[in-house]
N, C-alpha and C. Protein backbone atom coordinates (compact mmCIF):
# COMPACT_ATOMS: atom_id res chain seq x y z
N UNK A 1 83.02 101.68 74.27
CA UNK A 1 82.86 102.09 75.64
C UNK A 1 83.63 101.10 76.52
N UNK A 2 84.25 101.65 77.54
CA UNK A 2 84.97 100.82 78.51
C UNK A 2 84.38 101.08 79.89
N UNK A 3 83.99 100.02 80.56
CA UNK A 3 83.56 100.11 81.96
C UNK A 3 84.77 99.69 82.79
N UNK A 4 85.35 100.65 83.50
CA UNK A 4 86.56 100.38 84.29
C UNK A 4 86.23 100.42 85.77
N UNK A 5 86.79 99.49 86.52
CA UNK A 5 86.59 99.42 87.96
C UNK A 5 87.95 99.28 88.62
N UNK A 6 88.24 100.19 89.54
CA UNK A 6 89.51 100.19 90.26
C UNK A 6 89.29 99.57 91.63
N UNK A 7 90.16 98.64 92.00
CA UNK A 7 90.06 98.00 93.32
C UNK A 7 91.41 98.06 94.01
N UNK A 8 91.37 98.29 95.31
CA UNK A 8 92.55 98.18 96.16
C UNK A 8 92.21 97.10 97.17
N UNK A 9 92.94 96.01 97.11
CA UNK A 9 92.59 94.84 97.92
C UNK A 9 93.72 94.44 98.85
N UNK A 10 93.36 93.80 99.92
CA UNK A 10 94.34 93.28 100.87
C UNK A 10 95.18 92.23 100.16
N UNK A 11 96.48 92.31 100.32
CA UNK A 11 97.38 91.37 99.65
C UNK A 11 97.54 90.12 100.49
N UNK A 12 96.93 89.05 100.03
CA UNK A 12 96.99 87.80 100.78
C UNK A 12 96.86 86.65 99.81
N UNK A 13 97.61 85.61 100.04
CA UNK A 13 97.46 84.40 99.26
C UNK A 13 97.64 83.23 100.21
N UNK A 14 96.55 82.54 100.45
CA UNK A 14 96.59 81.40 101.37
C UNK A 14 97.47 80.30 100.79
N UNK A 15 98.09 79.54 101.68
CA UNK A 15 98.93 78.41 101.24
C UNK A 15 98.07 77.47 100.40
N UNK A 16 98.58 77.10 99.27
CA UNK A 16 97.87 76.18 98.40
C UNK A 16 96.86 76.85 97.47
N UNK A 17 96.67 78.16 97.61
CA UNK A 17 95.72 78.87 96.74
C UNK A 17 96.29 78.97 95.33
N UNK A 18 95.43 78.81 94.35
CA UNK A 18 95.88 78.87 92.96
C UNK A 18 96.10 80.30 92.48
N UNK A 19 95.34 81.24 93.05
CA UNK A 19 95.41 82.62 92.58
C UNK A 19 95.61 83.58 93.74
N UNK A 20 96.24 84.69 93.44
CA UNK A 20 96.44 85.73 94.46
C UNK A 20 95.14 86.48 94.71
N UNK A 21 95.10 87.23 95.79
CA UNK A 21 93.91 88.04 96.08
C UNK A 21 93.73 89.11 95.00
N UNK A 22 94.82 89.57 94.40
CA UNK A 22 94.72 90.55 93.33
C UNK A 22 94.03 89.94 92.11
N UNK A 23 94.42 88.72 91.76
CA UNK A 23 93.80 88.04 90.62
C UNK A 23 92.33 87.74 90.90
N UNK A 24 92.02 87.30 92.11
CA UNK A 24 90.63 87.02 92.47
C UNK A 24 89.78 88.29 92.40
N UNK A 25 90.33 89.40 92.86
CA UNK A 25 89.62 90.68 92.79
C UNK A 25 89.41 91.09 91.34
N UNK A 26 90.43 90.92 90.53
CA UNK A 26 90.33 91.22 89.10
C UNK A 26 89.21 90.41 88.46
N UNK A 27 89.20 89.12 88.73
CA UNK A 27 88.18 88.24 88.13
C UNK A 27 86.78 88.64 88.59
N UNK A 28 86.64 88.96 89.87
CA UNK A 28 85.33 89.38 90.41
C UNK A 28 84.86 90.66 89.73
N UNK A 29 85.76 91.64 89.62
CA UNK A 29 85.40 92.92 89.01
C UNK A 29 84.99 92.73 87.55
N UNK A 30 85.64 91.81 86.86
CA UNK A 30 85.31 91.56 85.46
C UNK A 30 83.93 90.91 85.34
N UNK A 31 83.65 89.92 86.18
CA UNK A 31 82.34 89.23 86.14
C UNK A 31 81.20 90.15 86.59
N UNK A 32 81.50 91.03 87.51
CA UNK A 32 80.48 91.90 88.11
C UNK A 32 79.68 92.69 87.07
N UNK A 33 80.32 93.09 86.00
CA UNK A 33 79.68 93.95 85.01
C UNK A 33 79.13 93.21 83.80
N UNK A 34 79.22 91.89 83.78
CA UNK A 34 78.77 91.14 82.61
C UNK A 34 77.30 91.36 82.27
N UNK A 35 76.38 91.42 83.26
CA UNK A 35 74.98 91.70 82.89
C UNK A 35 74.81 93.06 82.21
N UNK A 36 75.55 94.06 82.68
CA UNK A 36 75.46 95.39 82.08
C UNK A 36 76.05 95.37 80.67
N UNK A 37 77.18 94.68 80.52
CA UNK A 37 77.81 94.56 79.20
C UNK A 37 76.84 93.90 78.22
N UNK A 38 76.21 92.81 78.64
CA UNK A 38 75.28 92.09 77.77
C UNK A 38 74.12 92.99 77.35
N UNK A 39 73.57 93.75 78.29
CA UNK A 39 72.46 94.65 77.99
C UNK A 39 72.88 95.74 77.00
N UNK A 40 74.05 96.34 77.23
CA UNK A 40 74.52 97.39 76.33
C UNK A 40 74.86 96.84 74.95
N UNK A 41 75.43 95.65 74.89
CA UNK A 41 75.73 95.04 73.59
C UNK A 41 74.43 94.72 72.84
N UNK A 42 73.43 94.28 73.56
CA UNK A 42 72.12 94.00 72.96
C UNK A 42 71.55 95.27 72.33
N UNK A 43 71.86 96.42 72.94
CA UNK A 43 71.38 97.71 72.43
C UNK A 43 72.29 98.30 71.36
N UNK A 44 73.32 97.55 70.98
CA UNK A 44 74.17 97.99 69.88
C UNK A 44 75.49 98.63 70.26
N UNK A 45 75.80 98.72 71.52
CA UNK A 45 77.05 99.33 71.96
C UNK A 45 78.18 98.30 71.87
N UNK A 46 79.38 98.81 71.62
CA UNK A 46 80.60 97.99 71.75
C UNK A 46 81.16 98.28 73.13
N UNK A 47 81.21 97.27 73.98
CA UNK A 47 81.56 97.47 75.39
C UNK A 47 82.65 96.49 75.81
N UNK A 48 83.58 97.01 76.61
CA UNK A 48 84.62 96.18 77.24
C UNK A 48 84.63 96.49 78.73
N UNK A 49 85.08 95.52 79.51
CA UNK A 49 85.28 95.78 80.94
C UNK A 49 86.78 95.84 81.20
N UNK A 50 87.12 96.61 82.21
CA UNK A 50 88.53 96.74 82.59
C UNK A 50 88.61 96.74 84.11
N UNK A 51 89.30 95.76 84.64
CA UNK A 51 89.53 95.69 86.09
C UNK A 51 90.97 96.12 86.35
N UNK A 52 91.13 97.12 87.19
CA UNK A 52 92.45 97.65 87.55
C UNK A 52 92.61 97.39 89.04
N UNK A 53 93.63 96.62 89.41
CA UNK A 53 93.73 96.16 90.80
C UNK A 53 95.12 96.43 91.36
N UNK A 54 95.12 96.99 92.58
CA UNK A 54 96.35 97.22 93.33
C UNK A 54 96.19 96.60 94.71
N UNK A 55 97.31 96.27 95.32
CA UNK A 55 97.30 95.77 96.68
C UNK A 55 97.51 96.91 97.65
N UNK A 56 97.07 96.71 98.88
CA UNK A 56 97.20 97.76 99.89
C UNK A 56 98.65 98.11 100.19
N UNK A 57 99.56 97.18 99.90
CA UNK A 57 100.98 97.44 100.14
C UNK A 57 101.72 97.77 98.85
N UNK A 58 100.97 98.11 97.80
CA UNK A 58 101.58 98.57 96.56
C UNK A 58 101.75 97.55 95.46
N UNK A 59 101.35 96.31 95.68
CA UNK A 59 101.45 95.31 94.61
C UNK A 59 100.57 95.72 93.43
N UNK A 60 101.01 95.32 92.25
CA UNK A 60 100.30 95.69 91.03
C UNK A 60 99.85 94.43 90.31
N UNK A 61 98.58 94.36 89.96
CA UNK A 61 98.07 93.24 89.17
C UNK A 61 98.73 93.33 87.80
N UNK A 62 99.38 92.25 87.34
CA UNK A 62 100.11 92.29 86.07
C UNK A 62 99.28 92.75 84.87
N UNK A 63 98.00 92.49 84.86
CA UNK A 63 97.16 92.86 83.71
C UNK A 63 96.86 94.36 83.65
N UNK A 64 97.18 95.11 84.69
CA UNK A 64 96.89 96.56 84.70
C UNK A 64 97.51 97.27 83.50
N UNK A 65 98.77 96.96 83.22
CA UNK A 65 99.48 97.66 82.14
C UNK A 65 98.75 97.45 80.81
N UNK A 66 98.36 96.22 80.51
CA UNK A 66 97.63 95.96 79.26
C UNK A 66 96.29 96.67 79.25
N UNK A 67 95.65 96.74 80.39
CA UNK A 67 94.38 97.47 80.48
C UNK A 67 94.59 98.93 80.12
N UNK A 68 95.63 99.53 80.67
CA UNK A 68 95.90 100.94 80.38
C UNK A 68 96.23 101.17 78.90
N UNK A 69 97.08 100.30 78.35
CA UNK A 69 97.54 100.54 76.97
C UNK A 69 96.56 100.05 75.91
N UNK A 70 95.91 98.91 76.14
CA UNK A 70 95.05 98.34 75.10
C UNK A 70 93.59 98.80 75.21
N UNK A 71 93.05 98.77 76.40
CA UNK A 71 91.63 99.12 76.55
C UNK A 71 91.42 100.62 76.72
N UNK A 72 92.28 101.26 77.50
CA UNK A 72 92.14 102.70 77.74
C UNK A 72 93.00 103.54 76.80
N UNK A 73 93.81 102.88 76.00
CA UNK A 73 94.63 103.50 74.95
C UNK A 73 95.59 104.58 75.45
N UNK A 74 96.16 104.36 76.61
CA UNK A 74 97.21 105.26 77.09
C UNK A 74 98.53 104.88 76.42
N UNK A 75 99.40 105.86 76.27
CA UNK A 75 100.75 105.58 75.78
C UNK A 75 101.48 104.78 76.85
N UNK A 76 102.44 103.97 76.43
CA UNK A 76 103.16 103.11 77.38
C UNK A 76 103.81 103.92 78.50
N UNK A 77 104.38 105.05 78.15
CA UNK A 77 105.02 105.89 79.16
C UNK A 77 104.00 106.38 80.19
N UNK A 78 102.85 106.84 79.71
CA UNK A 78 101.79 107.29 80.61
C UNK A 78 101.27 106.14 81.48
N UNK A 79 101.15 104.97 80.88
CA UNK A 79 100.67 103.80 81.62
C UNK A 79 101.64 103.43 82.74
N UNK A 80 102.93 103.46 82.45
CA UNK A 80 103.93 103.16 83.49
C UNK A 80 103.89 104.19 84.62
N UNK A 81 103.78 105.46 84.25
CA UNK A 81 103.71 106.53 85.26
C UNK A 81 102.46 106.38 86.13
N UNK A 82 101.33 106.12 85.50
CA UNK A 82 100.08 105.97 86.24
C UNK A 82 100.16 104.76 87.17
N UNK A 83 100.70 103.66 86.67
CA UNK A 83 100.86 102.45 87.48
C UNK A 83 101.71 102.73 88.71
N UNK A 84 102.83 103.42 88.53
CA UNK A 84 103.72 103.75 89.64
C UNK A 84 103.05 104.71 90.62
N UNK A 85 102.36 105.72 90.10
CA UNK A 85 101.69 106.69 90.97
C UNK A 85 100.60 106.04 91.81
N UNK A 86 99.79 105.19 91.19
CA UNK A 86 98.71 104.55 91.94
C UNK A 86 99.26 103.56 92.96
N UNK A 87 100.29 102.83 92.60
CA UNK A 87 100.92 101.90 93.54
C UNK A 87 101.49 102.65 94.73
N UNK A 88 102.18 103.75 94.47
CA UNK A 88 102.75 104.58 95.54
C UNK A 88 101.66 105.17 96.42
N UNK A 89 100.57 105.59 95.80
CA UNK A 89 99.46 106.16 96.56
C UNK A 89 98.86 105.12 97.51
N UNK A 90 98.75 103.88 97.05
CA UNK A 90 98.23 102.80 97.91
C UNK A 90 99.12 102.62 99.14
N UNK A 91 100.42 102.68 98.93
CA UNK A 91 101.36 102.52 100.05
C UNK A 91 101.19 103.68 101.04
N UNK A 92 101.13 104.91 100.53
CA UNK A 92 100.97 106.07 101.41
C UNK A 92 99.64 106.02 102.17
N UNK A 93 98.58 105.64 101.49
CA UNK A 93 97.27 105.56 102.14
C UNK A 93 97.27 104.48 103.22
N UNK A 94 97.89 103.35 102.95
CA UNK A 94 97.96 102.28 103.95
C UNK A 94 98.76 102.74 105.16
N UNK A 95 99.82 103.50 104.93
CA UNK A 95 100.63 104.03 106.02
C UNK A 95 99.80 104.97 106.90
N UNK A 96 99.01 105.83 106.27
CA UNK A 96 98.15 106.74 107.03
C UNK A 96 97.11 105.97 107.84
N UNK A 97 96.52 104.96 107.24
CA UNK A 97 95.52 104.15 107.96
C UNK A 97 96.17 103.45 109.14
N UNK A 98 97.35 102.88 108.94
CA UNK A 98 98.07 102.20 110.03
C UNK A 98 98.37 103.19 111.16
N UNK A 99 98.83 104.38 110.81
CA UNK A 99 99.11 105.40 111.82
C UNK A 99 97.86 105.77 112.60
N UNK A 100 96.74 105.89 111.92
CA UNK A 100 95.48 106.20 112.58
C UNK A 100 95.11 105.09 113.57
N UNK A 101 95.24 103.83 113.15
CA UNK A 101 94.94 102.70 114.05
C UNK A 101 95.86 102.72 115.27
N UNK A 102 97.13 103.00 115.07
CA UNK A 102 98.08 103.04 116.19
C UNK A 102 97.72 104.16 117.17
N UNK A 103 97.39 105.34 116.65
CA UNK A 103 96.99 106.45 117.53
C UNK A 103 95.75 106.09 118.33
N UNK A 104 94.76 105.50 117.69
CA UNK A 104 93.54 105.09 118.40
C UNK A 104 93.85 104.05 119.47
N UNK A 105 94.73 103.11 119.17
CA UNK A 105 95.10 102.08 120.14
C UNK A 105 95.77 102.72 121.36
N UNK A 106 96.71 103.65 121.12
CA UNK A 106 97.39 104.32 122.23
C UNK A 106 96.41 105.13 123.07
N UNK A 107 95.45 105.79 122.43
CA UNK A 107 94.44 106.55 123.16
C UNK A 107 93.61 105.63 124.06
N UNK A 108 93.20 104.49 123.54
CA UNK A 108 92.42 103.55 124.34
C UNK A 108 93.24 103.03 125.51
N UNK A 109 94.53 102.78 125.29
CA UNK A 109 95.38 102.32 126.38
C UNK A 109 95.49 103.38 127.47
N UNK A 110 95.64 104.65 127.09
CA UNK A 110 95.72 105.73 128.08
C UNK A 110 94.43 105.84 128.87
N UNK A 111 93.31 105.72 128.21
CA UNK A 111 92.01 105.81 128.89
C UNK A 111 91.86 104.64 129.86
N UNK A 112 92.22 103.43 129.42
CA UNK A 112 92.12 102.25 130.30
C UNK A 112 93.02 102.39 131.51
N UNK A 113 94.25 102.87 131.30
CA UNK A 113 95.19 103.05 132.41
C UNK A 113 94.67 104.09 133.39
N UNK A 114 94.14 105.18 132.88
CA UNK A 114 93.62 106.25 133.75
C UNK A 114 92.41 105.77 134.54
N UNK A 115 91.59 104.92 133.96
CA UNK A 115 90.39 104.48 134.68
C UNK A 115 90.72 103.47 135.77
N UNK A 116 91.88 102.85 135.71
CA UNK A 116 92.29 101.88 136.73
C UNK A 116 93.15 102.50 137.83
N UNK A 117 93.49 103.75 137.70
CA UNK A 117 94.36 104.40 138.69
C UNK A 117 93.66 104.49 140.03
N UNK A 118 94.41 104.34 141.15
CA UNK A 118 93.80 104.47 142.48
C UNK A 118 93.25 105.87 142.68
N UNK A 119 92.15 105.95 143.43
CA UNK A 119 91.47 107.23 143.61
C UNK A 119 91.48 107.68 145.06
N UNK A 120 92.42 107.29 145.81
CA UNK A 120 92.47 107.69 147.22
C UNK A 120 92.75 106.48 148.08
N UNK A 121 92.57 106.62 149.39
CA UNK A 121 92.90 105.53 150.31
C UNK A 121 91.88 104.42 150.28
N UNK A 122 90.69 104.69 149.79
CA UNK A 122 89.66 103.68 149.73
C UNK A 122 88.95 103.48 151.04
N UNK A 123 89.38 104.15 152.11
CA UNK A 123 88.74 103.98 153.42
C UNK A 123 87.51 104.84 153.56
N UNK A 124 86.79 104.61 154.62
CA UNK A 124 85.59 105.38 154.91
C UNK A 124 85.94 106.66 155.65
N UNK A 125 84.96 107.19 156.36
CA UNK A 125 85.18 108.42 157.14
C UNK A 125 86.15 108.13 158.28
N UNK A 126 86.94 109.10 158.62
CA UNK A 126 87.95 108.96 159.66
C UNK A 126 87.31 109.12 161.04
N UNK A 127 87.69 108.21 161.99
CA UNK A 127 87.16 108.33 163.36
C UNK A 127 88.13 109.15 164.18
N UNK A 128 87.59 109.92 164.99
CA UNK A 128 88.42 110.68 165.93
C UNK A 128 88.08 110.24 167.34
N UNK A 129 89.06 110.10 168.20
CA UNK A 129 88.79 109.69 169.57
C UNK A 129 89.01 110.81 170.52
């Protein structure tokens, strides 16, 4: 049995950091399932964990390919295609999210501008002599 977890994480690596955010996400996903793995192994199951990680801008965790071919037993050609498709999908999804944020920002700017527009002379009732 393979417990696989797919993560799409923000691509960031602070100056001086030993590991990328992709590697940190991979490590977290692997540790996350250890109690379940231990319980299933205790009950006689053969269990492996598989962390598959992509970055929001399409980066690929280097261990993904081995996960596909060794743990999930995909053919190398299928693994390469899947890796490329998922990476491309992350890029497209990030583009859509960015576009949504930009549209929302422009809408808020229009609303703010409209609410500050002058609404007349600002004077009181007109006197007649």
